[in-house]
C-alpha cells in the first residue's frame, strides 16, 4: 500500500498595483552584488548620447535574485514557444554589451 503525501496548501498572495504607479522603460542595466545583496540599476540609454540615466534601483537577496532569474528563464521560454525564438546576432549582442545592453560589475 502506498502512502499519499499531502502537498502543502497553496498560499495566495494579493499584489497591490497602485493606480498611479509609473511604468519605467529600461534598455540598459547595471548589476552589482555583495555577499548579502544583488543590486540592479535600470537605466535608459538614448542613441548618440554618451550618458545613461538610472531610473530605478532594485535591491534583493541573492536567493530572490536567483528566483527572479528562474522566473525570467521560464517566462522567456513561454514567450519563445508562443512567438518564436528571440534571435540576437553575435555582433548585435556585442554591440548591446558595449553600448545598450547589460553591464555586470564585480
N, C-alpha and C. Protein backbone atom coordinates (compact mmCIF):
# COMPACT_ATOMS: atom_id res chain seq x y z
N UNK A 1 0.84 -1.17 0.00
CA UNK A 1 0.00 0.00 0.00
C UNK A 1 0.89 1.25 0.00
N UNK A 2 0.62 2.14 -0.91
CA UNK A 2 1.43 3.36 -0.97
C UNK A 2 0.75 4.47 -0.20
N UNK A 3 1.57 5.27 0.41
CA UNK A 3 1.05 6.40 1.18
C UNK A 3 1.06 7.64 0.31
N UNK A 4 0.01 8.41 0.42
CA UNK A 4 -0.04 9.69 -0.27
C UNK A 4 0.49 10.76 0.66
N UNK A 5 1.37 11.56 0.12
CA UNK A 5 1.86 12.67 0.93
C UNK A 5 1.04 13.90 0.60
N UNK A 6 0.59 14.54 1.62
CA UNK A 6 -0.22 15.74 1.41
C UNK A 6 0.69 16.89 0.99
N UNK A 7 0.28 17.56 -0.09
CA UNK A 7 1.07 18.72 -0.51
C UNK A 7 0.67 19.91 0.35
N UNK A 8 1.63 20.77 0.62
CA UNK A 8 1.31 21.93 1.45
C UNK A 8 0.27 22.80 0.74
N UNK A 9 -0.60 23.44 1.49
CA UNK A 9 -1.62 24.28 0.86
C UNK A 9 -0.97 25.46 0.14
N UNK A 10 -1.52 25.79 -1.03
CA UNK A 10 -1.00 26.92 -1.80
C UNK A 10 -1.36 28.22 -1.10
N UNK A 11 -0.38 29.07 -0.94
CA UNK A 11 -0.59 30.37 -0.30
C UNK A 11 -0.89 31.39 -1.38
N UNK A 12 -1.98 32.09 -1.23
CA UNK A 12 -2.32 33.12 -2.20
C UNK A 12 -1.77 34.45 -1.72
N UNK A 13 -1.12 35.13 -2.63
CA UNK A 13 -0.56 36.44 -2.33
C UNK A 13 -1.33 37.47 -3.12
N UNK A 14 -1.82 38.48 -2.45
CA UNK A 14 -2.51 39.56 -3.13
C UNK A 14 -1.49 40.65 -3.43
N UNK A 15 -1.42 41.03 -4.69
CA UNK A 15 -0.47 42.05 -5.12
C UNK A 15 -1.23 43.35 -5.33
N UNK A 16 -0.75 44.39 -4.68
CA UNK A 16 -1.37 45.71 -4.84
C UNK A 16 -0.61 46.47 -5.91
N UNK A 17 -1.31 46.91 -6.93
CA UNK A 17 -0.72 47.68 -8.00
C UNK A 17 -1.35 49.07 -7.97
N UNK A 18 -0.65 50.05 -7.39
CA UNK A 18 -1.22 51.39 -7.26
C UNK A 18 -1.61 51.97 -8.62
N UNK A 19 -2.72 52.67 -8.66
CA UNK A 19 -3.21 53.27 -9.91
C UNK A 19 -2.22 54.28 -10.47
N UNK A 20 -1.46 54.94 -9.60
CA UNK A 20 -0.52 55.97 -10.06
C UNK A 20 0.90 55.45 -10.27
N UNK A 21 1.06 54.12 -10.28
CA UNK A 21 2.39 53.54 -10.47
C UNK A 21 2.89 53.85 -11.87
N UNK A 22 4.09 54.41 -11.96
CA UNK A 22 4.67 54.77 -13.25
C UNK A 22 5.47 53.60 -13.80
N UNK A 23 5.21 53.24 -15.05
CA UNK A 23 5.99 52.20 -15.71
C UNK A 23 7.31 52.83 -16.17
N UNK A 24 8.39 52.12 -15.98
CA UNK A 24 9.72 52.61 -16.35
C UNK A 24 10.25 51.76 -17.49
N UNK A 25 10.65 52.40 -18.58
CA UNK A 25 11.29 51.70 -19.69
C UNK A 25 12.79 51.73 -19.45
N UNK A 26 13.43 50.58 -19.63
CA UNK A 26 14.88 50.49 -19.48
C UNK A 26 15.46 49.67 -20.62
N UNK A 27 16.56 50.13 -21.18
CA UNK A 27 17.26 49.36 -22.20
C UNK A 27 18.73 49.16 -21.80
N UNK A 28 19.00 49.38 -20.54
CA UNK A 28 20.37 49.27 -20.03
C UNK A 28 20.26 48.88 -18.55
N UNK A 29 21.07 47.96 -18.11
CA UNK A 29 21.05 47.57 -16.70
C UNK A 29 22.48 47.39 -16.20
N UNK A 30 22.70 47.77 -14.97
CA UNK A 30 23.99 47.61 -14.32
C UNK A 30 23.76 46.70 -13.11
N UNK A 31 24.50 45.61 -13.06
CA UNK A 31 24.33 44.64 -11.98
C UNK A 31 25.55 44.65 -11.08
N UNK A 32 25.32 44.72 -9.80
CA UNK A 32 26.38 44.64 -8.78
C UNK A 32 25.91 43.69 -7.69
N UNK A 33 26.84 43.25 -6.89
CA UNK A 33 26.46 42.39 -5.77
C UNK A 33 27.47 42.49 -4.64
N UNK A 34 26.98 42.16 -3.48
CA UNK A 34 27.82 41.99 -2.29
C UNK A 34 27.49 40.59 -1.77
N UNK A 35 28.11 40.15 -0.69
CA UNK A 35 27.76 38.83 -0.16
C UNK A 35 26.29 38.72 0.26
N UNK A 36 25.65 39.85 0.58
CA UNK A 36 24.28 39.77 1.11
C UNK A 36 23.20 40.35 0.21
N UNK A 37 23.58 40.98 -0.92
CA UNK A 37 22.55 41.55 -1.77
C UNK A 37 22.99 41.63 -3.23
N UNK A 38 21.98 41.67 -4.10
CA UNK A 38 22.20 41.89 -5.52
C UNK A 38 21.52 43.22 -5.84
N UNK A 39 22.23 44.07 -6.58
CA UNK A 39 21.71 45.40 -6.92
C UNK A 39 21.59 45.47 -8.44
N UNK A 40 20.40 45.86 -8.90
CA UNK A 40 20.18 46.04 -10.33
C UNK A 40 19.72 47.47 -10.55
N UNK A 41 20.50 48.23 -11.29
CA UNK A 41 20.13 49.58 -11.68
C UNK A 41 19.57 49.52 -13.09
N UNK A 42 18.33 49.97 -13.26
CA UNK A 42 17.69 50.01 -14.58
C UNK A 42 17.83 51.42 -15.12
N UNK A 43 18.37 51.51 -16.34
CA UNK A 43 18.67 52.81 -16.92
C UNK A 43 18.17 52.87 -18.36
N UNK A 44 18.24 54.07 -18.88
CA UNK A 44 17.83 54.31 -20.26
C UNK A 44 18.98 54.98 -20.98
N UNK A 45 19.31 54.41 -22.14
CA UNK A 45 20.35 54.99 -22.99
C UNK A 45 19.70 55.43 -24.28
N UNK A 46 19.99 56.64 -24.70
CA UNK A 46 19.44 57.18 -25.94
C UNK A 46 20.52 57.17 -27.02
N UNK A 47 20.11 56.97 -28.27
CA UNK A 47 21.10 56.96 -29.36
C UNK A 47 21.91 58.26 -29.40
N UNK A 48 23.17 58.11 -29.67
CA UNK A 48 24.11 59.24 -29.82
C UNK A 48 24.26 60.07 -28.54
N UNK A 49 23.91 59.51 -27.42
CA UNK A 49 24.10 60.20 -26.14
C UNK A 49 25.14 59.41 -25.35
N UNK A 50 26.19 60.07 -24.87
CA UNK A 50 27.27 59.35 -24.18
C UNK A 50 26.94 58.98 -22.74
N UNK A 51 25.78 59.33 -22.26
CA UNK A 51 25.44 59.16 -20.86
C UNK A 51 24.15 58.35 -20.71
N UNK A 52 24.08 57.51 -19.67
CA UNK A 52 22.83 56.83 -19.36
C UNK A 52 22.31 57.36 -18.03
N UNK A 53 20.99 57.34 -17.88
CA UNK A 53 20.39 57.80 -16.63
C UNK A 53 19.69 56.63 -15.97
N UNK A 54 19.99 56.41 -14.69
CA UNK A 54 19.35 55.35 -13.92
C UNK A 54 17.99 55.86 -13.45
N UNK A 55 16.94 55.06 -13.70
CA UNK A 55 15.58 55.42 -13.32
C UNK A 55 15.05 54.59 -12.15
N UNK A 56 15.66 53.44 -11.90
CA UNK A 56 15.20 52.61 -10.78
C UNK A 56 16.35 51.74 -10.30
N UNK A 57 16.41 51.56 -8.99
CA UNK A 57 17.41 50.68 -8.38
C UNK A 57 16.64 49.64 -7.56
N UNK A 58 16.94 48.38 -7.84
CA UNK A 58 16.29 47.27 -7.14
C UNK A 58 17.35 46.53 -6.35
N UNK A 59 17.10 46.34 -5.07
CA UNK A 59 17.98 45.56 -4.21
C UNK A 59 17.23 44.31 -3.79
N UNK A 60 17.91 43.18 -3.82
CA UNK A 60 17.29 41.93 -3.39
C UNK A 60 18.35 40.98 -2.84
N UNK A 61 17.87 39.99 -2.13
CA UNK A 61 18.79 38.98 -1.62
C UNK A 61 19.26 38.10 -2.77
N UNK A 62 20.41 37.45 -2.64
CA UNK A 62 20.85 36.53 -3.69
C UNK A 62 19.81 35.44 -3.96
N UNK A 63 19.12 34.97 -2.94
CA UNK A 63 18.08 33.95 -3.13
C UNK A 63 16.95 34.48 -3.99
N UNK A 64 16.50 35.70 -3.71
CA UNK A 64 15.43 36.29 -4.52
C UNK A 64 15.91 36.59 -5.93
N UNK A 65 17.17 36.98 -6.10
CA UNK A 65 17.72 37.23 -7.43
C UNK A 65 17.74 35.93 -8.24
N UNK A 66 18.07 34.84 -7.59
CA UNK A 66 18.08 33.54 -8.28
C UNK A 66 16.66 33.15 -8.67
N UNK A 67 15.70 33.41 -7.81
CA UNK A 67 14.29 33.12 -8.13
C UNK A 67 13.83 33.99 -9.31
N UNK A 68 14.25 35.25 -9.34
CA UNK A 68 13.93 36.14 -10.46
C UNK A 68 14.55 35.59 -11.75
N UNK A 69 15.79 35.15 -11.67
CA UNK A 69 16.48 34.56 -12.82
C UNK A 69 15.68 33.38 -13.37
N UNK A 70 15.22 32.51 -12.49
CA UNK A 70 14.43 31.34 -12.92
C UNK A 70 13.11 31.79 -13.53
N UNK A 71 12.45 32.77 -12.92
CA UNK A 71 11.18 33.26 -13.45
C UNK A 71 11.37 33.89 -14.84
N UNK A 72 12.45 34.64 -15.02
CA UNK A 72 12.75 35.22 -16.34
C UNK A 72 13.00 34.12 -17.37
N UNK A 73 13.77 33.11 -16.98
CA UNK A 73 14.04 31.99 -17.88
C UNK A 73 12.75 31.30 -18.30
N UNK A 74 11.90 31.01 -17.31
CA UNK A 74 10.62 30.34 -17.58
C UNK A 74 9.73 31.18 -18.49
N UNK A 75 9.64 32.47 -18.20
CA UNK A 75 8.77 33.33 -18.99
C UNK A 75 9.30 33.56 -20.40
N UNK A 76 10.61 33.68 -20.56
CA UNK A 76 11.17 33.82 -21.90
C UNK A 76 10.97 32.55 -22.71
N UNK A 77 11.06 31.40 -22.07
CA UNK A 77 10.81 30.13 -22.77
C UNK A 77 9.35 30.08 -23.24
N UNK A 78 8.42 30.52 -22.40
CA UNK A 78 7.00 30.56 -22.80
C UNK A 78 6.79 31.55 -23.94
N UNK A 79 7.44 32.70 -23.86
CA UNK A 79 7.35 33.72 -24.91
C UNK A 79 7.82 33.14 -26.24
N UNK A 80 8.99 32.49 -26.22
CA UNK A 80 9.56 31.94 -27.45
C UNK A 80 8.71 30.79 -27.99
N UNK A 81 8.10 30.04 -27.13
CA UNK A 81 7.22 28.96 -27.58
C UNK A 81 6.02 29.54 -28.32
N UNK A 82 5.53 30.67 -27.85
CA UNK A 82 4.35 31.29 -28.45
C UNK A 82 4.68 32.15 -29.68
N UNK A 83 5.77 32.92 -29.61
CA UNK A 83 6.06 33.90 -30.65
C UNK A 83 7.29 33.57 -31.49
N UNK A 84 8.04 32.55 -31.11
CA UNK A 84 9.26 32.21 -31.84
C UNK A 84 10.50 32.66 -31.09
N UNK A 85 11.61 32.10 -31.50
CA UNK A 85 12.88 32.36 -30.84
C UNK A 85 13.26 33.84 -30.92
N UNK A 86 13.76 34.35 -29.82
CA UNK A 86 14.32 35.70 -29.78
C UNK A 86 15.75 35.56 -30.28
N UNK A 87 16.01 36.11 -31.45
CA UNK A 87 17.33 35.94 -32.05
C UNK A 87 18.15 37.21 -31.86
N UNK A 88 19.36 37.00 -31.39
CA UNK A 88 20.31 38.10 -31.25
C UNK A 88 21.58 37.66 -31.96
N UNK A 89 21.92 38.37 -33.02
CA UNK A 89 23.13 38.06 -33.78
C UNK A 89 24.35 38.34 -32.89
N UNK A 90 25.42 37.57 -33.06
CA UNK A 90 26.61 37.78 -32.21
C UNK A 90 27.11 39.22 -32.23
N UNK A 91 27.13 39.85 -33.41
CA UNK A 91 27.61 41.23 -33.47
C UNK A 91 26.64 42.20 -32.78
N UNK A 92 25.35 41.88 -32.84
CA UNK A 92 24.35 42.71 -32.15
C UNK A 92 24.50 42.55 -30.64
N UNK A 93 24.73 41.33 -30.20
CA UNK A 93 24.93 41.08 -28.78
C UNK A 93 26.16 41.83 -28.28
N UNK A 94 27.23 41.81 -29.06
CA UNK A 94 28.45 42.52 -28.68
C UNK A 94 28.18 44.02 -28.60
N UNK A 95 27.44 44.56 -29.56
CA UNK A 95 27.11 45.98 -29.55
C UNK A 95 26.24 46.33 -28.35
N UNK A 96 25.29 45.46 -28.02
CA UNK A 96 24.44 45.70 -26.85
C UNK A 96 25.28 45.71 -25.58
N UNK A 97 26.18 44.77 -25.46
CA UNK A 97 27.02 44.71 -24.27
C UNK A 97 27.90 45.94 -24.16
N UNK A 98 28.30 46.47 -25.30
CA UNK A 98 29.18 47.63 -25.31
C UNK A 98 28.41 48.93 -25.07
N UNK A 99 27.21 49.06 -25.66
CA UNK A 99 26.58 50.37 -25.62
C UNK A 99 25.15 50.41 -25.10
N UNK A 100 24.37 49.36 -25.24
CA UNK A 100 22.97 49.45 -24.86
C UNK A 100 22.49 48.26 -24.04
N UNK A 101 23.36 47.41 -23.65
CA UNK A 101 22.90 46.18 -23.03
C UNK A 101 23.06 46.15 -21.54
N UNK A 102 23.46 45.05 -21.05
CA UNK A 102 23.55 44.81 -19.63
C UNK A 102 25.00 44.75 -19.21
N UNK A 103 25.32 45.46 -18.18
CA UNK A 103 26.69 45.56 -17.69
C UNK A 103 26.75 44.87 -16.34
N UNK A 104 27.75 44.06 -16.15
CA UNK A 104 27.93 43.40 -14.86
C UNK A 104 29.26 43.85 -14.29
N UNK A 105 29.21 44.39 -13.08
CA UNK A 105 30.44 44.81 -12.40
C UNK A 105 30.74 43.83 -11.29
N UNK A 106 32.00 43.56 -11.10
CA UNK A 106 32.38 42.68 -9.99
C UNK A 106 33.14 43.45 -8.95
